[in-house]
Amino acid sequence: MTASLLLTADAVTPRQSGRHRRFVPAQRPAADPSRIPDYAEFASMALRHGARWEITYRTGDPTPYRARHRAVEISLASDDLHALDCALAAFEPPPSARPYVLCRQAAA
């Protein structure tokens, strides 16, 4: 067809049948493995315990949820977010004497 015929040609309407067209639903993309599952709960837990604990997530680890105490060298790991939350809420680090207290007691 020439350009003049294309410009003057009537719009061709597709032939319609009496049936409805069926559309295949789009497939969901695979979940990104680097994303934290149930991120809202994870972030909420990290905010609750953030003063004492550093909460992290490691992709591909059998125990991906991890917590490291900020003052004492203690780390916890779990594969269940709720279990880690309960453990962090119940955990009290052992009391530790500060070095300057021991120096003052020795001097007295």
N, C-alpha and C. Protein backbone atom coordinates (compact mmCIF):
# COMPACT_ATOMS: atom_id res chain seq x y z
N MET A 1 0.84 -1.18 0.00
CA MET A 1 0.00 0.00 0.00
C MET A 1 0.88 1.24 0.00
N THR A 2 0.38 2.22 -0.65
CA THR A 2 1.11 3.47 -0.67
C THR A 2 0.68 4.32 0.51
N ALA A 3 1.44 5.37 0.77
CA ALA A 3 1.15 6.25 1.90
C ALA A 3 -0.20 6.94 1.74
N SER A 4 -0.55 7.32 0.50
CA SER A 4 -1.84 8.00 0.30
C SER A 4 -3.01 7.07 0.58
N LEU A 5 -2.87 5.80 0.23
CA LEU A 5 -3.93 4.84 0.52
C LEU A 5 -4.06 4.61 2.02
N LEU A 6 -2.91 4.56 2.72
CA LEU A 6 -2.95 4.36 4.17
C LEU A 6 -3.61 5.54 4.87
N LEU A 7 -3.37 6.75 4.38
CA LEU A 7 -3.95 7.93 5.01
C LEU A 7 -5.44 8.05 4.75
N THR A 8 -5.91 7.61 3.59
CA THR A 8 -7.32 7.76 3.25
C THR A 8 -8.14 6.53 3.59
N ALA A 9 -7.49 5.45 3.93
CA ALA A 9 -8.24 4.22 4.22
C ALA A 9 -9.02 4.37 5.51
N ASP A 10 -10.23 3.83 5.48
CA ASP A 10 -11.04 3.84 6.70
C ASP A 10 -10.39 2.92 7.74
N ALA A 11 -10.65 3.27 8.96
CA ALA A 11 -10.10 2.44 10.03
C ALA A 11 -10.76 1.07 9.96
N VAL A 12 -9.93 0.09 9.95
CA VAL A 12 -10.45 -1.27 9.87
C VAL A 12 -10.73 -1.73 11.29
N THR A 13 -11.98 -2.07 11.53
CA THR A 13 -12.33 -2.55 12.86
C THR A 13 -12.12 -4.05 12.90
N PRO A 14 -11.59 -4.54 14.00
CA PRO A 14 -11.38 -5.98 14.09
C PRO A 14 -12.72 -6.71 14.12
N ARG A 15 -12.70 -7.88 13.57
CA ARG A 15 -13.90 -8.69 13.53
C ARG A 15 -14.20 -9.19 14.94
N GLN A 16 -15.41 -9.00 15.39
CA GLN A 16 -15.75 -9.41 16.74
C GLN A 16 -16.65 -10.64 16.68
N SER A 17 -16.36 -11.52 17.53
CA SER A 17 -17.20 -12.70 17.61
C SER A 17 -18.14 -12.54 18.80
N GLY A 18 -19.04 -13.44 18.95
CA GLY A 18 -20.00 -13.37 20.05
C GLY A 18 -19.40 -13.82 21.37
N ARG A 19 -18.18 -14.30 21.33
CA ARG A 19 -17.56 -14.78 22.57
C ARG A 19 -16.70 -13.69 23.21
N HIS A 20 -16.53 -13.79 24.51
CA HIS A 20 -15.64 -12.88 25.22
C HIS A 20 -14.21 -13.38 25.07
N ARG A 21 -13.31 -12.45 25.01
CA ARG A 21 -11.90 -12.83 24.94
C ARG A 21 -11.42 -13.15 26.34
N ARG A 22 -10.66 -14.16 26.43
CA ARG A 22 -10.09 -14.53 27.72
C ARG A 22 -8.64 -14.08 27.76
N PHE A 23 -8.30 -13.44 28.84
CA PHE A 23 -6.93 -12.98 29.01
C PHE A 23 -6.25 -13.85 30.04
N VAL A 24 -5.04 -14.16 29.77
CA VAL A 24 -4.24 -14.94 30.72
C VAL A 24 -3.70 -13.95 31.75
N PRO A 25 -3.93 -14.22 33.05
CA PRO A 25 -3.41 -13.28 34.04
C PRO A 25 -1.88 -13.25 34.01
N ALA A 26 -1.37 -12.09 34.27
CA ALA A 26 0.08 -11.93 34.29
C ALA A 26 0.66 -12.74 35.43
N GLN A 27 1.76 -13.37 35.18
CA GLN A 27 2.42 -14.15 36.22
C GLN A 27 3.16 -13.21 37.15
N ARG A 28 3.09 -13.51 38.42
CA ARG A 28 3.83 -12.71 39.39
C ARG A 28 5.30 -12.99 39.25
N PRO A 29 6.10 -11.97 39.36
CA PRO A 29 7.54 -12.23 39.31
C PRO A 29 7.97 -13.01 40.55
N ALA A 30 9.01 -13.76 40.40
CA ALA A 30 9.52 -14.54 41.53
C ALA A 30 9.93 -13.58 42.64
N ALA A 31 9.74 -14.04 43.88
CA ALA A 31 10.09 -13.20 45.03
C ALA A 31 11.59 -12.92 45.02
N ASP A 32 11.92 -11.70 45.33
CA ASP A 32 13.32 -11.30 45.37
C ASP A 32 13.95 -11.91 46.62
N PRO A 33 14.95 -12.78 46.47
CA PRO A 33 15.52 -13.44 47.65
C PRO A 33 16.24 -12.50 48.59
N SER A 34 16.60 -11.31 48.13
CA SER A 34 17.30 -10.40 49.02
C SER A 34 16.34 -9.59 49.89
N ARG A 35 15.04 -9.69 49.66
CA ARG A 35 14.06 -8.96 50.45
C ARG A 35 13.74 -9.71 51.72
N ILE A 36 13.47 -8.98 52.77
CA ILE A 36 13.14 -9.58 54.07
C ILE A 36 11.67 -9.92 54.07
N PRO A 37 11.33 -11.21 54.32
CA PRO A 37 9.92 -11.55 54.38
C PRO A 37 9.27 -10.88 55.58
N ASP A 38 8.06 -10.40 55.42
CA ASP A 38 7.29 -9.71 56.46
C ASP A 38 8.11 -8.56 57.04
N TYR A 39 8.53 -7.69 56.15
CA TYR A 39 9.43 -6.60 56.52
C TYR A 39 8.84 -5.66 57.56
N ALA A 40 7.54 -5.43 57.52
CA ALA A 40 6.91 -4.50 58.47
C ALA A 40 7.09 -5.01 59.90
N GLU A 41 6.88 -6.29 60.11
CA GLU A 41 7.07 -6.85 61.46
C GLU A 41 8.54 -6.83 61.86
N PHE A 42 9.43 -7.11 60.91
CA PHE A 42 10.86 -7.08 61.19
C PHE A 42 11.29 -5.68 61.61
N ALA A 43 10.82 -4.66 60.90
CA ALA A 43 11.18 -3.28 61.22
C ALA A 43 10.61 -2.87 62.57
N SER A 44 9.39 -3.31 62.87
CA SER A 44 8.78 -3.00 64.16
C SER A 44 9.59 -3.61 65.31
N MET A 45 10.00 -4.86 65.12
CA MET A 45 10.79 -5.52 66.16
C MET A 45 12.15 -4.82 66.32
N ALA A 46 12.76 -4.43 65.22
CA ALA A 46 14.06 -3.76 65.28
C ALA A 46 13.94 -2.42 66.01
N LEU A 47 12.83 -1.72 65.84
CA LEU A 47 12.62 -0.46 66.56
C LEU A 47 12.41 -0.70 68.05
N ARG A 48 11.67 -1.74 68.41
CA ARG A 48 11.41 -2.03 69.83
C ARG A 48 12.69 -2.37 70.58
N HIS A 49 13.56 -3.15 69.95
CA HIS A 49 14.75 -3.64 70.64
C HIS A 49 16.03 -2.93 70.20
N GLY A 50 15.90 -1.89 69.41
CA GLY A 50 17.06 -1.23 68.84
C GLY A 50 17.99 -0.57 69.83
N ALA A 51 17.51 -0.24 71.02
CA ALA A 51 18.37 0.41 72.01
C ALA A 51 19.45 -0.55 72.51
N ARG A 52 19.11 -1.82 72.64
CA ARG A 52 20.07 -2.80 73.16
C ARG A 52 20.65 -3.72 72.10
N TRP A 53 19.88 -3.95 71.02
CA TRP A 53 20.25 -4.97 70.05
C TRP A 53 20.39 -4.40 68.65
N GLU A 54 21.33 -4.94 67.91
CA GLU A 54 21.46 -4.66 66.48
C GLU A 54 20.84 -5.84 65.75
N ILE A 55 19.72 -5.60 65.07
CA ILE A 55 18.96 -6.67 64.42
C ILE A 55 19.31 -6.68 62.92
N THR A 56 19.65 -7.85 62.39
CA THR A 56 19.98 -7.98 60.97
C THR A 56 19.29 -9.19 60.36
N TYR A 57 19.33 -9.26 59.04
CA TYR A 57 18.76 -10.38 58.29
C TYR A 57 19.79 -10.82 57.26
N ARG A 58 20.07 -12.13 57.21
CA ARG A 58 21.03 -12.68 56.25
C ARG A 58 20.29 -13.59 55.28
N THR A 59 20.32 -13.24 54.03
CA THR A 59 19.65 -14.03 53.00
C THR A 59 20.38 -15.36 52.79
N GLY A 60 19.62 -16.44 52.64
CA GLY A 60 20.20 -17.74 52.35
C GLY A 60 20.76 -18.47 53.54
N ASP A 61 20.61 -17.95 54.73
CA ASP A 61 21.13 -18.57 55.94
C ASP A 61 20.00 -19.41 56.57
N PRO A 62 20.31 -20.57 57.18
CA PRO A 62 19.25 -21.35 57.83
C PRO A 62 18.62 -20.58 59.01
N THR A 63 19.37 -19.70 59.63
CA THR A 63 18.83 -18.84 60.69
C THR A 63 19.06 -17.39 60.27
N PRO A 64 18.16 -16.86 59.45
CA PRO A 64 18.43 -15.55 58.84
C PRO A 64 18.27 -14.36 59.78
N TYR A 65 17.42 -14.48 60.81
CA TYR A 65 17.21 -13.36 61.72
C TYR A 65 18.27 -13.40 62.80
N ARG A 66 19.03 -12.30 62.94
CA ARG A 66 20.13 -12.27 63.90
C ARG A 66 20.06 -11.01 64.74
N ALA A 67 20.53 -11.14 65.98
CA ALA A 67 20.59 -10.00 66.89
C ALA A 67 21.93 -10.05 67.62
N ARG A 68 22.56 -8.89 67.71
CA ARG A 68 23.83 -8.76 68.44
C ARG A 68 23.66 -7.68 69.48
N HIS A 69 24.00 -8.03 70.73
CA HIS A 69 23.86 -7.07 71.81
C HIS A 69 24.89 -5.96 71.62
N ARG A 70 24.49 -4.74 71.89
CA ARG A 70 25.37 -3.59 71.64
C ARG A 70 26.45 -3.42 72.71
N ALA A 71 26.20 -3.90 73.94
CA ALA A 71 27.17 -3.69 75.01
C ALA A 71 27.92 -4.96 75.39
N VAL A 72 27.25 -6.09 75.37
CA VAL A 72 27.84 -7.37 75.78
C VAL A 72 28.06 -8.21 74.53
N GLU A 73 29.09 -9.02 74.48
CA GLU A 73 29.37 -9.83 73.31
C GLU A 73 28.47 -11.06 73.29
N ILE A 74 27.20 -10.85 72.94
CA ILE A 74 26.21 -11.92 72.84
C ILE A 74 25.49 -11.77 71.52
N SER A 75 25.31 -12.90 70.83
CA SER A 75 24.56 -12.90 69.57
C SER A 75 23.51 -13.99 69.64
N LEU A 76 22.36 -13.71 69.07
CA LEU A 76 21.27 -14.69 68.97
C LEU A 76 20.88 -14.80 67.51
N ALA A 77 20.43 -16.00 67.11
CA ALA A 77 19.97 -16.21 65.73
C ALA A 77 18.75 -17.12 65.76
N SER A 78 17.86 -16.92 64.81
CA SER A 78 16.63 -17.71 64.75
C SER A 78 16.12 -17.76 63.32
N ASP A 79 15.33 -18.78 63.03
CA ASP A 79 14.68 -18.84 61.73
C ASP A 79 13.24 -18.33 61.83
N ASP A 80 12.80 -17.99 63.04
CA ASP A 80 11.45 -17.50 63.27
C ASP A 80 11.52 -16.11 63.89
N LEU A 81 10.87 -15.16 63.28
CA LEU A 81 10.91 -13.78 63.74
C LEU A 81 10.27 -13.63 65.12
N HIS A 82 9.15 -14.32 65.33
CA HIS A 82 8.45 -14.20 66.62
C HIS A 82 9.27 -14.81 67.77
N ALA A 83 9.96 -15.91 67.49
CA ALA A 83 10.80 -16.53 68.52
C ALA A 83 11.94 -15.60 68.92
N LEU A 84 12.55 -14.96 67.93
CA LEU A 84 13.63 -14.02 68.24
C LEU A 84 13.09 -12.82 69.02
N ASP A 85 11.93 -12.34 68.67
CA ASP A 85 11.31 -11.23 69.39
C ASP A 85 11.08 -11.59 70.85
N CYS A 86 10.55 -12.78 71.11
CA CYS A 86 10.33 -13.22 72.50
C CYS A 86 11.65 -13.36 73.25
N ALA A 87 12.66 -13.90 72.59
CA ALA A 87 13.96 -14.07 73.25
C ALA A 87 14.59 -12.73 73.60
N LEU A 88 14.48 -11.76 72.71
CA LEU A 88 15.05 -10.44 72.99
C LEU A 88 14.30 -9.72 74.09
N ALA A 89 12.99 -9.91 74.16
CA ALA A 89 12.19 -9.27 75.20
C ALA A 89 12.50 -9.88 76.57
N ALA A 90 12.76 -11.17 76.62
CA ALA A 90 12.99 -11.85 77.89
C ALA A 90 14.45 -11.80 78.34
N PHE A 91 15.37 -11.52 77.45
CA PHE A 91 16.79 -11.59 77.76
C PHE A 91 17.24 -10.37 78.55
N GLU A 92 17.92 -10.63 79.64
CA GLU A 92 18.57 -9.58 80.43
C GLU A 92 20.04 -9.93 80.49
N PRO A 93 20.90 -9.05 80.01
CA PRO A 93 22.33 -9.36 80.06
C PRO A 93 22.82 -9.40 81.50
N PRO A 94 23.85 -10.18 81.76
CA PRO A 94 24.38 -10.24 83.12
C PRO A 94 24.94 -8.89 83.55
N PRO A 95 24.79 -8.55 84.80
CA PRO A 95 25.34 -7.27 85.24
C PRO A 95 26.87 -7.30 85.18
N SER A 96 27.44 -6.20 84.85
CA SER A 96 28.90 -6.15 84.79
C SER A 96 29.38 -4.95 85.62
N ALA A 97 30.46 -5.17 86.36
CA ALA A 97 31.03 -4.09 87.16
C ALA A 97 31.85 -3.20 86.25
N ARG A 98 31.73 -1.94 86.44
CA ARG A 98 32.51 -0.99 85.64
C ARG A 98 33.92 -0.89 86.21
N PRO A 99 34.93 -0.79 85.37
CA PRO A 99 36.31 -0.79 85.85
C PRO A 99 36.62 0.34 86.82
N TYR A 100 36.03 1.50 86.66
CA TYR A 100 36.34 2.60 87.56
C TYR A 100 35.78 2.37 88.97
N VAL A 101 34.71 1.56 89.09
CA VAL A 101 34.18 1.23 90.41
C VAL A 101 35.19 0.35 91.15
N LEU A 102 35.77 -0.62 90.46
CA LEU A 102 36.74 -1.51 91.08
C LEU A 102 38.00 -0.73 91.50
N CYS A 103 38.41 0.25 90.71
CA CYS A 103 39.58 1.05 91.07
C CYS A 103 39.34 1.87 92.33
N ARG A 104 38.16 2.44 92.48
CA ARG A 104 37.84 3.22 93.66
C ARG A 104 37.77 2.36 94.92
N GLN A 105 37.23 1.12 94.76
CA GLN A 105 37.15 0.22 95.91
C GLN A 105 38.54 -0.20 96.36
N ALA A 106 39.45 -0.42 95.43
CA ALA A 106 40.81 -0.84 95.76
C ALA A 106 41.58 0.31 96.44
N ALA A 107 41.29 1.55 96.05
CA ALA A 107 41.98 2.70 96.60
C ALA A 107 41.51 3.01 98.01
N ALA A 108 40.31 2.63 98.36
CA ALA A 108 39.76 2.98 99.69
C ALA A 108 40.25 2.09 100.77
